[in-house]
């Protein structure tokens, strides 16, 4: 059995710029259903990119160029700098992930 880690929503300038609405998302690989990350999504709209500072768990290695599923080795997205906000992010490939609204609890294995 893993250790439960409970997160609180971050209240930063990016959240305020998007109207203050935020939620936790559990992200899964669309191919093998392996849990990829716990993510804080700010604002409405579809999930097109993952900002590295909003990925709460597990830690994503900073030097990797791509986000790859640890289970099936499928490429989920590519790292880049989102120019509009000058923030490091991962551009998600369409249909690469599924998501479920979460409560901010991450169970490490």
N, C-alpha and C. Protein backbone atom coordinates (compact mmCIF):
# COMPACT_ATOMS: atom_id res chain seq x y z
N UNK A 1 0.85 -1.18 0.00
CA UNK A 1 0.00 0.00 0.00
C UNK A 1 0.89 1.23 0.00
N UNK A 2 0.50 2.26 -0.75
CA UNK A 2 1.29 3.48 -0.90
C UNK A 2 1.00 4.50 0.18
N UNK A 3 1.69 5.59 0.09
CA UNK A 3 1.53 6.70 1.02
C UNK A 3 0.64 7.75 0.36
N UNK A 4 -0.39 8.20 1.08
CA UNK A 4 -1.27 9.25 0.55
C UNK A 4 -0.63 10.61 0.79
N UNK A 5 -0.63 11.43 -0.24
CA UNK A 5 -0.14 12.80 -0.13
C UNK A 5 -1.29 13.71 -0.57
N UNK A 6 -1.65 14.66 0.29
CA UNK A 6 -2.78 15.54 0.03
C UNK A 6 -2.25 16.91 -0.39
N UNK A 7 -2.78 17.42 -1.50
CA UNK A 7 -2.36 18.72 -2.02
C UNK A 7 -3.49 19.73 -1.88
N UNK A 8 -3.11 21.00 -1.78
CA UNK A 8 -4.06 22.10 -1.79
C UNK A 8 -3.89 22.85 -3.11
N UNK A 9 -4.96 23.49 -3.58
CA UNK A 9 -4.88 24.25 -4.81
C UNK A 9 -3.94 25.44 -4.64
N UNK A 10 -3.05 25.64 -5.61
CA UNK A 10 -2.13 26.78 -5.58
C UNK A 10 -2.91 28.02 -5.99
N UNK A 11 -2.67 29.11 -5.31
CA UNK A 11 -3.35 30.36 -5.61
C UNK A 11 -2.30 31.36 -6.11
N UNK A 12 -1.92 31.24 -7.39
CA UNK A 12 -0.87 32.09 -7.94
C UNK A 12 -1.44 33.07 -8.97
N UNK A 13 -0.57 33.83 -9.60
CA UNK A 13 -1.03 34.85 -10.56
C UNK A 13 -1.71 34.23 -11.78
N UNK A 14 -1.31 33.03 -12.15
CA UNK A 14 -1.90 32.38 -13.32
C UNK A 14 -3.35 31.97 -13.04
N UNK A 15 -3.59 31.50 -11.83
CA UNK A 15 -4.96 31.14 -11.45
C UNK A 15 -5.85 32.38 -11.44
N UNK A 16 -5.33 33.46 -10.88
CA UNK A 16 -6.11 34.72 -10.82
C UNK A 16 -6.40 35.25 -12.22
N UNK A 17 -5.44 35.11 -13.14
CA UNK A 17 -5.61 35.59 -14.52
C UNK A 17 -6.69 34.81 -15.26
N UNK A 18 -6.96 33.59 -14.82
CA UNK A 18 -7.97 32.75 -15.47
C UNK A 18 -9.30 32.73 -14.71
N UNK A 19 -9.50 33.72 -13.87
CA UNK A 19 -10.78 33.86 -13.20
C UNK A 19 -10.87 33.22 -11.83
N UNK A 20 -9.80 32.61 -11.34
CA UNK A 20 -9.79 32.04 -10.01
C UNK A 20 -10.35 30.63 -9.91
N UNK A 21 -10.90 30.10 -10.99
CA UNK A 21 -11.47 28.75 -10.99
C UNK A 21 -10.37 27.72 -11.22
N UNK A 22 -10.28 26.73 -10.36
CA UNK A 22 -9.26 25.69 -10.49
C UNK A 22 -9.82 24.36 -9.98
N UNK A 23 -9.22 23.27 -10.47
CA UNK A 23 -9.61 21.93 -10.03
C UNK A 23 -8.43 20.99 -10.21
N UNK A 24 -8.49 19.87 -9.52
CA UNK A 24 -7.47 18.83 -9.66
C UNK A 24 -7.92 17.86 -10.75
N UNK A 25 -6.97 17.41 -11.56
CA UNK A 25 -7.24 16.39 -12.56
C UNK A 25 -6.26 15.24 -12.38
N UNK A 26 -6.77 14.04 -12.40
CA UNK A 26 -5.93 12.86 -12.46
C UNK A 26 -5.80 12.51 -13.94
N UNK A 27 -4.56 12.44 -14.43
CA UNK A 27 -4.30 12.20 -15.85
C UNK A 27 -3.84 10.76 -16.04
N UNK A 28 -4.39 10.11 -17.06
CA UNK A 28 -4.10 8.71 -17.36
C UNK A 28 -3.71 8.56 -18.82
N UNK A 29 -2.86 7.60 -19.12
CA UNK A 29 -2.51 7.27 -20.50
C UNK A 29 -3.75 6.70 -21.18
N UNK A 30 -4.07 7.19 -22.37
CA UNK A 30 -5.26 6.72 -23.08
C UNK A 30 -5.08 5.28 -23.57
N UNK A 31 -3.86 4.84 -23.78
CA UNK A 31 -3.61 3.50 -24.29
C UNK A 31 -3.73 2.41 -23.22
N UNK A 32 -3.01 2.62 -22.10
CA UNK A 32 -2.94 1.55 -21.09
C UNK A 32 -3.60 1.90 -19.77
N UNK A 33 -4.15 3.11 -19.65
CA UNK A 33 -4.85 3.59 -18.44
C UNK A 33 -3.93 3.74 -17.23
N UNK A 34 -2.62 3.83 -17.44
CA UNK A 34 -1.65 4.03 -16.36
C UNK A 34 -1.75 5.48 -15.86
N UNK A 35 -1.73 5.68 -14.54
CA UNK A 35 -1.81 7.02 -13.96
C UNK A 35 -0.51 7.76 -14.25
N UNK A 36 -0.64 8.95 -14.87
CA UNK A 36 0.52 9.74 -15.24
C UNK A 36 0.85 10.83 -14.22
N UNK A 37 -0.19 11.58 -13.80
CA UNK A 37 0.09 12.73 -12.94
C UNK A 37 -1.17 13.25 -12.27
N UNK A 38 -0.95 13.99 -11.19
CA UNK A 38 -1.99 14.80 -10.56
C UNK A 38 -1.70 16.22 -10.99
N UNK A 39 -2.68 16.91 -11.57
CA UNK A 39 -2.46 18.20 -12.20
C UNK A 39 -3.50 19.21 -11.73
N UNK A 40 -3.08 20.45 -11.53
CA UNK A 40 -4.01 21.52 -11.20
C UNK A 40 -4.35 22.27 -12.48
N UNK A 41 -5.60 22.19 -12.91
CA UNK A 41 -6.08 22.88 -14.11
C UNK A 41 -6.75 24.17 -13.67
N UNK A 42 -6.25 25.30 -14.18
CA UNK A 42 -6.83 26.60 -13.89
C UNK A 42 -7.69 27.05 -15.05
N UNK A 43 -8.86 27.58 -14.75
CA UNK A 43 -9.74 28.14 -15.78
C UNK A 43 -10.51 27.09 -16.56
N UNK A 44 -11.45 27.57 -17.37
CA UNK A 44 -12.26 26.66 -18.18
C UNK A 44 -11.51 26.26 -19.46
N UNK A 45 -12.12 25.40 -20.23
CA UNK A 45 -11.57 25.03 -21.53
C UNK A 45 -10.89 23.68 -21.54
N UNK A 46 -10.51 23.25 -22.74
CA UNK A 46 -9.87 21.94 -22.88
C UNK A 46 -8.43 21.96 -22.36
N UNK A 47 -7.91 20.79 -22.10
CA UNK A 47 -6.54 20.64 -21.62
C UNK A 47 -5.65 20.42 -22.84
N UNK A 48 -4.92 21.45 -23.25
CA UNK A 48 -4.05 21.38 -24.42
C UNK A 48 -2.59 21.23 -24.04
N UNK A 49 -2.23 21.75 -22.86
CA UNK A 49 -0.85 21.72 -22.41
C UNK A 49 -0.81 21.53 -20.90
N UNK A 50 0.29 20.99 -20.42
CA UNK A 50 0.52 20.84 -18.99
C UNK A 50 1.65 21.78 -18.61
N UNK A 51 1.37 22.74 -17.75
CA UNK A 51 2.42 23.60 -17.23
C UNK A 51 3.19 22.81 -16.18
N UNK A 52 4.51 22.85 -16.26
CA UNK A 52 5.32 22.04 -15.35
C UNK A 52 5.13 22.43 -13.90
N UNK A 53 4.85 23.71 -13.62
CA UNK A 53 4.66 24.11 -12.23
C UNK A 53 3.29 23.73 -11.69
N UNK A 54 2.40 23.24 -12.53
CA UNK A 54 1.07 22.79 -12.08
C UNK A 54 0.97 21.27 -11.97
N UNK A 55 2.02 20.55 -12.36
CA UNK A 55 2.05 19.10 -12.17
C UNK A 55 2.47 18.87 -10.72
N UNK A 56 1.54 18.38 -9.92
CA UNK A 56 1.78 18.26 -8.48
C UNK A 56 2.51 16.97 -8.12
N UNK A 57 2.16 15.87 -8.75
CA UNK A 57 2.80 14.59 -8.45
C UNK A 57 2.60 13.65 -9.63
N UNK A 58 3.49 12.77 -9.92
CA UNK A 58 4.85 12.70 -9.40
C UNK A 58 5.72 13.75 -10.06
N UNK A 59 6.94 13.88 -9.55
CA UNK A 59 7.87 14.84 -10.13
C UNK A 59 8.22 14.42 -11.56
N UNK A 60 8.18 15.38 -12.46
CA UNK A 60 8.57 15.14 -13.85
C UNK A 60 10.03 15.58 -13.99
N UNK A 61 10.86 14.73 -14.57
CA UNK A 61 12.26 15.11 -14.73
C UNK A 61 12.38 16.29 -15.69
N UNK A 62 13.17 17.25 -15.31
CA UNK A 62 13.26 18.52 -16.04
C UNK A 62 14.01 18.41 -17.36
N UNK A 63 14.90 17.43 -17.50
CA UNK A 63 15.74 17.38 -18.68
C UNK A 63 15.16 16.56 -19.83
N UNK A 64 14.04 15.93 -19.65
CA UNK A 64 13.43 15.12 -20.71
C UNK A 64 12.76 16.02 -21.73
N UNK A 65 12.85 15.65 -23.00
CA UNK A 65 12.23 16.43 -24.08
C UNK A 65 10.78 16.00 -24.32
N UNK A 66 10.43 14.79 -23.88
CA UNK A 66 9.08 14.28 -24.12
C UNK A 66 8.53 13.66 -22.83
N UNK A 67 7.21 13.68 -22.71
CA UNK A 67 6.54 12.98 -21.62
C UNK A 67 6.13 11.62 -22.17
N UNK A 68 6.64 10.56 -21.56
CA UNK A 68 6.41 9.20 -22.03
C UNK A 68 5.75 8.40 -20.93
N UNK A 69 4.74 7.60 -21.29
CA UNK A 69 4.08 6.71 -20.32
C UNK A 69 5.09 5.67 -19.86
N UNK A 70 5.21 5.52 -18.54
CA UNK A 70 6.16 4.55 -17.98
C UNK A 70 5.74 3.11 -18.23
N UNK A 71 4.44 2.90 -18.43
CA UNK A 71 3.93 1.55 -18.60
C UNK A 71 4.05 1.04 -20.04
N UNK A 72 3.48 1.79 -20.99
CA UNK A 72 3.45 1.31 -22.38
C UNK A 72 4.45 2.02 -23.29
N UNK A 73 5.19 3.01 -22.76
CA UNK A 73 6.23 3.74 -23.49
C UNK A 73 5.69 4.59 -24.64
N UNK A 74 4.41 4.92 -24.63
CA UNK A 74 3.83 5.78 -25.65
C UNK A 74 4.17 7.24 -25.34
N UNK A 75 4.46 8.04 -26.37
CA UNK A 75 4.77 9.45 -26.18
C UNK A 75 3.47 10.21 -25.97
N UNK A 76 3.37 10.93 -24.86
CA UNK A 76 2.16 11.66 -24.47
C UNK A 76 2.22 13.10 -24.96
N UNK A 77 3.39 13.73 -24.88
CA UNK A 77 3.54 15.12 -25.27
C UNK A 77 4.99 15.53 -25.36
N UNK A 78 5.21 16.76 -25.84
CA UNK A 78 6.54 17.30 -26.04
C UNK A 78 6.72 18.56 -25.22
N UNK A 79 7.88 18.69 -24.60
CA UNK A 79 8.20 19.86 -23.78
C UNK A 79 8.51 21.06 -24.67
N UNK A 80 8.05 22.23 -24.25
CA UNK A 80 8.34 23.48 -24.95
C UNK A 80 8.12 24.64 -23.99
N UNK A 81 8.45 25.85 -24.43
CA UNK A 81 8.19 27.06 -23.64
C UNK A 81 6.96 27.72 -24.24
N UNK A 82 5.91 27.87 -23.43
CA UNK A 82 4.69 28.54 -23.87
C UNK A 82 5.00 30.04 -23.91
N UNK A 83 5.10 30.59 -25.12
CA UNK A 83 5.59 31.95 -25.31
C UNK A 83 4.71 33.02 -24.69
N UNK A 84 3.40 32.83 -24.70
CA UNK A 84 2.48 33.85 -24.20
C UNK A 84 2.75 34.19 -22.74
N UNK A 85 3.12 33.19 -21.95
CA UNK A 85 3.39 33.39 -20.52
C UNK A 85 4.84 33.11 -20.17
N UNK A 86 5.65 32.72 -21.15
CA UNK A 86 7.05 32.37 -20.94
C UNK A 86 7.20 31.34 -19.83
N UNK A 87 6.40 30.26 -19.93
CA UNK A 87 6.40 29.18 -18.93
C UNK A 87 6.74 27.86 -19.58
N UNK A 88 7.54 27.04 -18.93
CA UNK A 88 7.79 25.69 -19.46
C UNK A 88 6.52 24.85 -19.36
N UNK A 89 6.23 24.12 -20.43
CA UNK A 89 5.01 23.32 -20.49
C UNK A 89 5.25 22.08 -21.34
N UNK A 90 4.25 21.21 -21.34
CA UNK A 90 4.26 20.03 -22.19
C UNK A 90 3.05 20.13 -23.10
N UNK A 91 3.30 20.16 -24.42
CA UNK A 91 2.21 20.18 -25.40
C UNK A 91 1.71 18.75 -25.55
N UNK A 92 0.44 18.54 -25.23
CA UNK A 92 -0.15 17.20 -25.25
C UNK A 92 -0.55 16.82 -26.67
N UNK A 93 -0.34 15.57 -27.01
CA UNK A 93 -0.81 15.05 -28.29
C UNK A 93 -2.29 14.72 -28.16
N UNK A 94 -3.04 15.01 -29.19
CA UNK A 94 -4.48 14.80 -29.16
C UNK A 94 -4.80 13.33 -28.93
N UNK A 95 -5.67 13.07 -27.98
CA UNK A 95 -6.11 11.72 -27.68
C UNK A 95 -5.12 10.88 -26.89
N UNK A 96 -4.04 11.49 -26.40
CA UNK A 96 -2.99 10.73 -25.69
C UNK A 96 -3.34 10.48 -24.23
N UNK A 97 -4.22 11.32 -23.64
CA UNK A 97 -4.55 11.15 -22.23
C UNK A 97 -6.06 11.11 -22.03
N UNK A 98 -6.44 10.55 -20.90
CA UNK A 98 -7.79 10.69 -20.38
C UNK A 98 -7.66 11.34 -19.02
N UNK A 99 -8.73 11.97 -18.56
CA UNK A 99 -8.64 12.68 -17.29
C UNK A 99 -9.91 12.48 -16.48
N UNK A 100 -9.74 12.57 -15.17
CA UNK A 100 -10.85 12.52 -14.22
C UNK A 100 -10.62 13.61 -13.18
N UNK A 101 -11.69 14.28 -12.81
CA UNK A 101 -11.59 15.30 -11.76
C UNK A 101 -11.26 14.59 -10.46
N UNK A 102 -10.27 15.14 -9.74
CA UNK A 102 -9.80 14.52 -8.50
C UNK A 102 -10.02 15.41 -7.30
N UNK A 103 -9.54 14.93 -6.15
CA UNK A 103 -9.69 15.66 -4.89
C UNK A 103 -8.36 16.12 -4.33
N UNK A 104 -7.28 16.00 -5.11
CA UNK A 104 -5.98 16.46 -4.65
C UNK A 104 -5.24 15.44 -3.82
N UNK A 105 -5.60 14.17 -3.93
CA UNK A 105 -4.92 13.12 -3.18
C UNK A 105 -4.12 12.27 -4.17
N UNK A 106 -2.82 12.12 -3.87
CA UNK A 106 -1.95 11.31 -4.71
C UNK A 106 -1.46 10.13 -3.89
N UNK A 107 -1.64 8.93 -4.39
CA UNK A 107 -1.20 7.73 -3.70
C UNK A 107 0.07 7.25 -4.39
N UNK A 108 1.21 7.42 -3.70
CA UNK A 108 2.48 6.95 -4.28
C UNK A 108 2.61 5.46 -4.06
N UNK A 109 3.26 4.81 -5.01
CA UNK A 109 3.38 3.36 -4.95
C UNK A 109 4.71 2.94 -4.38
